[in-house]
Amino acid sequence: MEKITPAFLNNNVPVVFSANDNYVPLLATTLASIIENSSVSNNYDIIVLMTSISDENQVKLRALLSNHSNFSLRFVN
């Protein structure tokens, strides 16, 4: 198992989910809510523990965060 280290050095807020392709719509809604309620003074380190999220769905989820430099989205199989 790979070691997961913080994505940001300062003001790191870790958020961990577990999901597969069936939960991507719910995960997308949750990410949108986090973005809406986030603070620019914090860095959000989002980690998704996954069993099978398609490349297409990973791209879609990353697109939600593409305009937010204080967000990191990582997928761990």
PDB file of N, CA and C in Angstrom:
ATOM      1  N   MET A   1       0.838  -1.171   0.000  1.00  0.00           N
ATOM      2  CA  MET A   1       0.000   0.000   0.000  1.00  0.00           C
ATOM      3  C   MET A   1       0.884   1.236   0.000  1.00  0.00           C
ATOM      4  N   GLU A   2       0.559   2.190  -0.868  1.00  0.00           N
ATOM      5  CA  GLU A   2       1.352   3.400  -0.942  1.00  0.00           C
ATOM      6  C   GLU A   2       1.099   4.307   0.253  1.00  0.00           C
ATOM      7  N   LYS A   3       2.134   5.026   0.638  1.00  0.00           N
ATOM      8  CA  LYS A   3       2.027   5.953   1.749  1.00  0.00           C
ATOM      9  C   LYS A   3       1.380   7.239   1.240  1.00  0.00           C
ATOM     10  N   ILE A   4       0.382   7.729   1.963  1.00  0.00           N
ATOM     11  CA  ILE A   4      -0.321   8.948   1.575  1.00  0.00           C
ATOM     12  C   ILE A   4       0.175  10.077   2.474  1.00  0.00           C
ATOM     13  N   THR A   5       0.774  11.068   1.853  1.00  0.00           N
ATOM     14  CA  THR A   5       1.269  12.220   2.597  1.00  0.00           C
ATOM     15  C   THR A   5       0.429  13.448   2.233  1.00  0.00           C
ATOM     16  N   PRO A   6       0.432  14.473   3.076  1.00  0.00           N
ATOM     17  CA  PRO A   6      -0.371  15.668   2.792  1.00  0.00           C
ATOM     18  C   PRO A   6       0.001  16.306   1.450  1.00  0.00           C
ATOM     19  N   ALA A   7      -0.991  16.800   0.751  1.00  0.00           N
ATOM     20  CA  ALA A   7      -0.769  17.438  -0.543  1.00  0.00           C
ATOM     21  C   ALA A   7      -0.249  18.859  -0.393  1.00  0.00           C
ATOM     22  N   PHE A   8      -0.542  19.485   0.721  1.00  0.00           N
ATOM     23  CA  PHE A   8      -0.137  20.871   0.963  1.00  0.00           C
ATOM     24  C   PHE A   8       0.685  20.945   2.244  1.00  0.00           C
ATOM     25  N   LEU A   9       1.595  21.892   2.297  1.00  0.00           N
ATOM     26  CA  LEU A   9       2.430  22.055   3.488  1.00  0.00           C
ATOM     27  C   LEU A   9       1.737  22.870   4.580  1.00  0.00           C
ATOM     28  N   ASN A  10       0.884  23.806   4.180  1.00  0.00           N
ATOM     29  CA  ASN A  10       0.244  24.703   5.138  1.00  0.00           C
ATOM     30  C   ASN A  10      -1.278  24.649   5.025  1.00  0.00           C
ATOM     31  N   ASN A  11      -1.927  24.805   6.159  1.00  0.00           N
ATOM     32  CA  ASN A  11      -3.396  24.878   6.215  1.00  0.00           C
ATOM     33  C   ASN A  11      -4.059  23.725   5.466  1.00  0.00           C
ATOM     34  N   ASN A  12      -3.500  22.544   5.612  1.00  0.00           N
ATOM     35  CA  ASN A  12      -4.004  21.352   4.935  1.00  0.00           C
ATOM     36  C   ASN A  12      -5.238  20.816   5.656  1.00  0.00           C
ATOM     37  N   VAL A  13      -6.326  20.676   4.909  1.00  0.00           N
ATOM     38  CA  VAL A  13      -7.552  20.087   5.450  1.00  0.00           C
ATOM     39  C   VAL A  13      -7.783  18.774   4.705  1.00  0.00           C
ATOM     40  N   PRO A  14      -7.452  17.640   5.336  1.00  0.00           N
ATOM     41  CA  PRO A  14      -7.660  16.365   4.656  1.00  0.00           C
ATOM     42  C   PRO A  14      -9.133  15.957   4.675  1.00  0.00           C
ATOM     43  N   VAL A  15      -9.589  15.461   3.520  1.00  0.00           N
ATOM     44  CA  VAL A  15     -10.959  14.961   3.383  1.00  0.00           C
ATOM     45  C   VAL A  15     -10.852  13.634   2.644  1.00  0.00           C
ATOM     46  N   VAL A  16     -11.363  12.560   3.256  1.00  0.00           N
ATOM     47  CA  VAL A  16     -11.211  11.228   2.672  1.00  0.00           C
ATOM     48  C   VAL A  16     -12.578  10.622   2.390  1.00  0.00           C
ATOM     49  N   PHE A  17     -12.711  10.068   1.180  1.00  0.00           N
ATOM     50  CA  PHE A  17     -13.936   9.387   0.767  1.00  0.00           C
ATOM     51  C   PHE A  17     -13.584   7.976   0.316  1.00  0.00           C
ATOM     52  N   SER A  18     -14.576   7.132   0.288  1.00  0.00           N
ATOM     53  CA  SER A  18     -14.452   5.812  -0.304  1.00  0.00           C
ATOM     54  C   SER A  18     -15.589   5.685  -1.312  1.00  0.00           C
ATOM     55  N   ALA A  19     -15.257   5.308  -2.557  1.00  0.00           N
ATOM     56  CA  ALA A  19     -16.295   5.302  -3.592  1.00  0.00           C
ATOM     57  C   ALA A  19     -15.924   4.375  -4.740  1.00  0.00           C
ATOM     58  N   ASN A  20     -16.936   4.088  -5.550  1.00  0.00           N
ATOM     59  CA  ASN A  20     -16.748   3.427  -6.833  1.00  0.00           C
ATOM     60  C   ASN A  20     -17.612   4.172  -7.854  1.00  0.00           C
ATOM     61  N   ASP A  21     -17.703   3.672  -9.076  1.00  0.00           N
ATOM     62  CA  ASP A  21     -18.461   4.370 -10.117  1.00  0.00           C
ATOM     63  C   ASP A  21     -19.918   4.630  -9.730  1.00  0.00           C
ATOM     64  N   ASN A  22     -20.505   3.757  -8.934  1.00  0.00           N
ATOM     65  CA  ASN A  22     -21.901   3.934  -8.541  1.00  0.00           C
ATOM     66  C   ASN A  22     -22.108   5.164  -7.664  1.00  0.00           C
ATOM     67  N   TYR A  23     -21.071   5.581  -6.955  1.00  0.00           N
ATOM     68  CA  TYR A  23     -21.183   6.707  -6.026  1.00  0.00           C
ATOM     69  C   TYR A  23     -20.638   8.018  -6.587  1.00  0.00           C
ATOM     70  N   VAL A  24     -20.176   8.029  -7.824  1.00  0.00           N
ATOM     71  CA  VAL A  24     -19.614   9.243  -8.418  1.00  0.00           C
ATOM     72  C   VAL A  24     -20.614  10.407  -8.425  1.00  0.00           C
ATOM     73  N   PRO A  25     -21.894  10.203  -8.772  1.00  0.00           N
ATOM     74  CA  PRO A  25     -22.826  11.343  -8.724  1.00  0.00           C
ATOM     75  C   PRO A  25     -22.954  11.943  -7.317  1.00  0.00           C
ATOM     76  N   LEU A  26     -22.987  11.097  -6.294  1.00  0.00           N
ATOM     77  CA  LEU A  26     -23.062  11.591  -4.917  1.00  0.00           C
ATOM     78  C   LEU A  26     -21.757  12.274  -4.511  1.00  0.00           C
ATOM     79  N   LEU A  27     -20.650  11.732  -4.928  1.00  0.00           N
ATOM     80  CA  LEU A  27     -19.359  12.332  -4.638  1.00  0.00           C
ATOM     81  C   LEU A  27     -19.239  13.696  -5.303  1.00  0.00           C
ATOM     82  N   ALA A  28     -19.706  13.807  -6.537  1.00  0.00           N
ATOM     83  CA  ALA A  28     -19.671  15.087  -7.244  1.00  0.00           C
ATOM     84  C   ALA A  28     -20.501  16.140  -6.513  1.00  0.00           C
ATOM     85  N   THR A  29     -21.652  15.758  -6.033  1.00  0.00           N
ATOM     86  CA  THR A  29     -22.495  16.682  -5.263  1.00  0.00           C
ATOM     87  C   THR A  29     -21.800  17.114  -3.983  1.00  0.00           C
ATOM     88  N   THR A  30     -21.165  16.184  -3.312  1.00  0.00           N
ATOM     89  CA  THR A  30     -20.448  16.494  -2.073  1.00  0.00           C
ATOM     90  C   THR A  30     -19.271  17.425  -2.341  1.00  0.00           C
ATOM     91  N   LEU A  31     -18.526  17.169  -3.416  1.00  0.00           N
ATOM     92  CA  LEU A  31     -17.407  18.040  -3.760  1.00  0.00           C
ATOM     93  C   LEU A  31     -17.888  19.453  -4.080  1.00  0.00           C
ATOM     94  N   ALA A  32     -19.003  19.554  -4.799  1.00  0.00           N
ATOM     95  CA  ALA A  32     -19.563  20.876  -5.106  1.00  0.00           C
ATOM     96  C   ALA A  32     -19.932  21.618  -3.827  1.00  0.00           C
ATOM     97  N   SER A  33     -20.459  20.914  -2.854  1.00  0.00           N
ATOM     98  CA  SER A  33     -20.812  21.522  -1.575  1.00  0.00           C
ATOM     99  C   SER A  33     -19.561  21.985  -0.817  1.00  0.00           C
ATOM    100  N   ILE A  34     -18.518  21.168  -0.844  1.00  0.00           N
ATOM    101  CA  ILE A  34     -17.271  21.551  -0.180  1.00  0.00           C
ATOM    102  C   ILE A  34     -16.702  22.812  -0.838  1.00  0.00           C
ATOM    103  N   ILE A  35     -16.712  22.858  -2.153  1.00  0.00           N
ATOM    104  CA  ILE A  35     -16.219  24.037  -2.873  1.00  0.00           C
ATOM    105  C   ILE A  35     -17.026  25.269  -2.466  1.00  0.00           C
ATOM    106  N   GLU A  36     -18.325  25.142  -2.474  1.00  0.00           N
ATOM    107  CA  GLU A  36     -19.226  26.255  -2.152  1.00  0.00           C
ATOM    108  C   GLU A  36     -18.988  26.790  -0.739  1.00  0.00           C
ATOM    109  N   ASN A  37     -18.630  25.919   0.174  1.00  0.00           N
ATOM    110  CA  ASN A  37     -18.474  26.307   1.574  1.00  0.00           C
ATOM    111  C   ASN A  37     -17.016  26.389   2.031  1.00  0.00           C
ATOM    112  N   SER A  38     -16.101  26.344   1.093  1.00  0.00           N
ATOM    113  CA  SER A  38     -14.681  26.357   1.436  1.00  0.00           C
ATOM    114  C   SER A  38     -14.178  27.774   1.728  1.00  0.00           C
ATOM    115  N   SER A  39     -13.003  27.814   2.314  1.00  0.00           N
ATOM    116  CA  SER A  39     -12.331  29.073   2.618  1.00  0.00           C
ATOM    117  C   SER A  39     -11.050  29.151   1.793  1.00  0.00           C
ATOM    118  N   VAL A  40     -10.774  30.311   1.229  1.00  0.00           N
ATOM    119  CA  VAL A  40      -9.548  30.460   0.439  1.00  0.00           C
ATOM    120  C   VAL A  40      -8.296  30.390   1.310  1.00  0.00           C
ATOM    121  N   SER A  41      -8.463  30.496   2.612  1.00  0.00           N
ATOM    122  CA  SER A  41      -7.304  30.421   3.508  1.00  0.00           C
ATOM    123  C   SER A  41      -6.913  28.982   3.844  1.00  0.00           C
ATOM    124  N   ASN A  42      -7.702  28.020   3.417  1.00  0.00           N
ATOM    125  CA  ASN A  42      -7.398  26.610   3.654  1.00  0.00           C
ATOM    126  C   ASN A  42      -7.083  25.908   2.339  1.00  0.00           C
ATOM    127  N   ASN A  43      -6.324  24.837   2.448  1.00  0.00           N
ATOM    128  CA  ASN A  43      -6.024  23.961   1.316  1.00  0.00           C
ATOM    129  C   ASN A  43      -6.712  22.629   1.562  1.00  0.00           C
ATOM    130  N   TYR A  44      -7.490  22.182   0.608  1.00  0.00           N
ATOM    131  CA  TYR A  44      -8.309  20.984   0.778  1.00  0.00           C
ATOM    132  C   TYR A  44      -7.666  19.810   0.032  1.00  0.00           C
ATOM    133  N   ASP A  45      -7.268  18.836   0.800  1.00  0.00           N
ATOM    134  CA  ASP A  45      -6.575  17.648   0.301  1.00  0.00           C
ATOM    135  C   ASP A  45      -7.598  16.511   0.247  1.00  0.00           C
ATOM    136  N   ILE A  46      -8.209  16.320  -0.927  1.00  0.00           N
ATOM    137  CA  ILE A  46      -9.279  15.340  -1.075  1.00  0.00           C
ATOM    138  C   ILE A  46      -8.694  14.041  -1.628  1.00  0.00           C
ATOM    139  N   ILE A  47      -8.917  12.974  -0.875  1.00  0.00           N
ATOM    140  CA  ILE A  47      -8.434  11.652  -1.261  1.00  0.00           C
ATOM    141  C   ILE A  47      -9.637  10.731  -1.412  1.00  0.00           C
ATOM    142  N   VAL A  48      -9.710  10.053  -2.542  1.00  0.00           N
ATOM    143  CA  VAL A  48     -10.793   9.106  -2.790  1.00  0.00           C
ATOM    144  C   VAL A  48     -10.202   7.706  -2.816  1.00  0.00           C
ATOM    145  N   LEU A  49     -10.556   6.917  -1.822  1.00  0.00           N
ATOM    146  CA  LEU A  49     -10.184   5.500  -1.812  1.00  0.00           C
ATOM    147  C   LEU A  49     -11.187   4.808  -2.719  1.00  0.00           C
ATOM    148  N   MET A  50     -10.698   4.210  -3.788  1.00  0.00           N
ATOM    149  CA  MET A  50     -11.621   3.689  -4.800  1.00  0.00           C
ATOM    150  C   MET A  50     -11.356   2.235  -5.112  1.00  0.00           C
ATOM    151  N   THR A  51     -12.401   1.594  -5.587  1.00  0.00           N
ATOM    152  CA  THR A  51     -12.249   0.231  -6.087  1.00  0.00           C
ATOM    153  C   THR A  51     -12.341   0.215  -7.606  1.00  0.00           C
ATOM    154  N   SER A  52     -13.217   1.034  -8.167  1.00  0.00           N
ATOM    155  CA  SER A  52     -13.338   1.076  -9.624  1.00  0.00           C
ATOM    156  C   SER A  52     -14.077   2.344 -10.048  1.00  0.00           C
ATOM    157  N   ILE A  53     -13.318   3.402 -10.227  1.00  0.00           N
ATOM    158  CA  ILE A  53     -13.869   4.627 -10.803  1.00  0.00           C
ATOM    159  C   ILE A  53     -13.220   4.780 -12.166  1.00  0.00           C
ATOM    160  N   SER A  54     -14.027   4.841 -13.197  1.00  0.00           N
ATOM    161  CA  SER A  54     -13.513   4.901 -14.561  1.00  0.00           C
ATOM    162  C   SER A  54     -12.678   6.157 -14.780  1.00  0.00           C
ATOM    163  N   ASP A  55     -11.794   6.095 -15.767  1.00  0.00           N
ATOM    164  CA  ASP A  55     -10.978   7.257 -16.111  1.00  0.00           C
ATOM    165  C   ASP A  55     -11.868   8.441 -16.478  1.00  0.00           C
ATOM    166  N   GLU A  56     -12.941   8.167 -17.185  1.00  0.00           N
ATOM    167  CA  GLU A  56     -13.877   9.229 -17.587  1.00  0.00           C
ATOM    168  C   GLU A  56     -14.475   9.933 -16.361  1.00  0.00           C
ATOM    169  N   ASN A  57     -14.891   9.168 -15.377  1.00  0.00           N
ATOM    170  CA  ASN A  57     -15.456   9.769 -14.168  1.00  0.00           C
ATOM    171  C   ASN A  57     -14.401  10.496 -13.349  1.00  0.00           C
ATOM    172  N   GLN A  58     -13.173   9.996 -13.344  1.00  0.00           N
ATOM    173  CA  GLN A  58     -12.104  10.699 -12.641  1.00  0.00           C
ATOM    174  C   GLN A  58     -11.852  12.061 -13.287  1.00  0.00           C
ATOM    175  N   VAL A  59     -11.887  12.107 -14.609  1.00  0.00           N
ATOM    176  CA  VAL A  59     -11.715  13.381 -15.326  1.00  0.00           C
ATOM    177  C   VAL A  59     -12.845  14.340 -14.976  1.00  0.00           C
ATOM    178  N   LYS A  60     -14.054  13.844 -14.924  1.00  0.00           N
ATOM    179  CA  LYS A  60     -15.200  14.691 -14.584  1.00  0.00           C
ATOM    180  C   LYS A  60     -15.077  15.253 -13.172  1.00  0.00           C
ATOM    181  N   LEU A  61     -14.642  14.428 -12.228  1.00  0.00           N
ATOM    182  CA  LEU A  61     -14.485  14.895 -10.854  1.00  0.00           C
ATOM    183  C   LEU A  61     -13.351  15.915 -10.753  1.00  0.00           C
ATOM    184  N   ARG A  62     -12.270  15.679 -11.465  1.00  0.00           N
ATOM    185  CA  ARG A  62     -11.163  16.635 -11.458  1.00  0.00           C
ATOM    186  C   ARG A  62     -11.593  17.978 -12.055  1.00  0.00           C
ATOM    187  N   ALA A  63     -12.461  17.920 -13.047  1.00  0.00           N
ATOM    188  CA  ALA A  63     -12.936  19.158 -13.689  1.00  0.00           C
ATOM    189  C   ALA A  63     -13.680  20.055 -12.707  1.00  0.00           C
ATOM    190  N   LEU A  64     -14.344  19.465 -11.732  1.00  0.00           N
ATOM    191  CA  LEU A  64     -15.051  20.259 -10.723  1.00  0.00           C
ATOM    192  C   LEU A  64     -14.092  21.148  -9.939  1.00  0.00           C
ATOM    193  N   LEU A  65     -12.866  20.700  -9.785  1.00  0.00           N
ATOM    194  CA  LEU A  65     -11.886  21.407  -8.964  1.00  0.00           C
ATOM    195  C   LEU A  65     -10.856  22.175  -9.784  1.00  0.00           C
ATOM    196  N   SER A  66     -10.980  22.151 -11.096  1.00  0.00           N
ATOM    197  CA  SER A  66      -9.929  22.699 -11.960  1.00  0.00           C
ATOM    198  C   SER A  66      -9.676  24.188 -11.756  1.00  0.00           C
ATOM    199  N   ASN A  67     -10.645  24.943 -11.308  1.00  0.00           N
ATOM    200  CA  ASN A  67     -10.468  26.388 -11.115  1.00  0.00           C
ATOM    201  C   ASN A  67     -10.141  26.758  -9.674  1.00  0.00           C
ATOM    202  N   HIS A  68      -9.767  25.786  -8.876  1.00  0.00           N
ATOM    203  CA  HIS A  68      -9.523  26.011  -7.452  1.00  0.00           C
ATOM    204  C   HIS A  68      -8.126  25.518  -7.092  1.00  0.00           C
ATOM    205  N   SER A  69      -7.196  26.463  -6.987  1.00  0.00           N
ATOM    206  CA  SER A  69      -5.804  26.085  -6.730  1.00  0.00           C
ATOM    207  C   SER A  69      -5.567  25.583  -5.308  1.00  0.00           C
ATOM    208  N   ASN A  70      -6.528  25.791  -4.427  1.00  0.00           N
ATOM    209  CA  ASN A  70      -6.377  25.325  -3.045  1.00  0.00           C
ATOM    210  C   ASN A  70      -7.045  23.963  -2.820  1.00  0.00           C
ATOM    211  N   PHE A  71      -7.282  23.240  -3.906  1.00  0.00           N
ATOM    212  CA  PHE A  71      -7.848  21.888  -3.838  1.00  0.00           C
ATOM    213  C   PHE A  71      -6.922  20.901  -4.528  1.00  0.00           C
ATOM    214  N   SER A  72      -6.765  19.746  -3.911  1.00  0.00           N
ATOM    215  CA  SER A  72      -6.049  18.631  -4.513  1.00  0.00           C
ATOM    216  C   SER A  72      -6.988  17.432  -4.487  1.00  0.00           C
ATOM    217  N   LEU A  73      -7.070  16.712  -5.594  1.00  0.00           N
ATOM    218  CA  LEU A  73      -7.914  15.516  -5.674  1.00  0.00           C
ATOM    219  C   LEU A  73      -7.041  14.354  -6.102  1.00  0.00           C
ATOM    220  N   ARG A  74      -6.976  13.328  -5.235  1.00  0.00           N
ATOM    221  CA  ARG A  74      -6.186  12.150  -5.543  1.00  0.00           C
ATOM    222  C   ARG A  74      -7.045  10.896  -5.405  1.00  0.00           C
ATOM    223  N   PHE A  75      -6.779   9.944  -6.283  1.00  0.00           N
ATOM    224  CA  PHE A  75      -7.482   8.660  -6.250  1.00  0.00           C
ATOM    225  C   PHE A  75      -6.485   7.578  -5.841  1.00  0.00           C
ATOM    226  N   VAL A  76      -6.867   6.781  -4.855  1.00  0.00           N
ATOM    227  CA  VAL A  76      -6.014   5.691  -4.388  1.00  0.00           C
ATOM    228  C   VAL A  76      -6.790   4.396  -4.542  1.00  0.00           C
ATOM    229  N   ASN A  77      -6.223   3.476  -5.313  1.00  0.00           N
ATOM    230  CA  ASN A  77      -6.866   2.200  -5.553  1.00  0.00           C
ATOM    231  C   ASN A  77      -6.490   1.236  -4.432  1.00  0.00           C
TER     232      ASN A  77
END
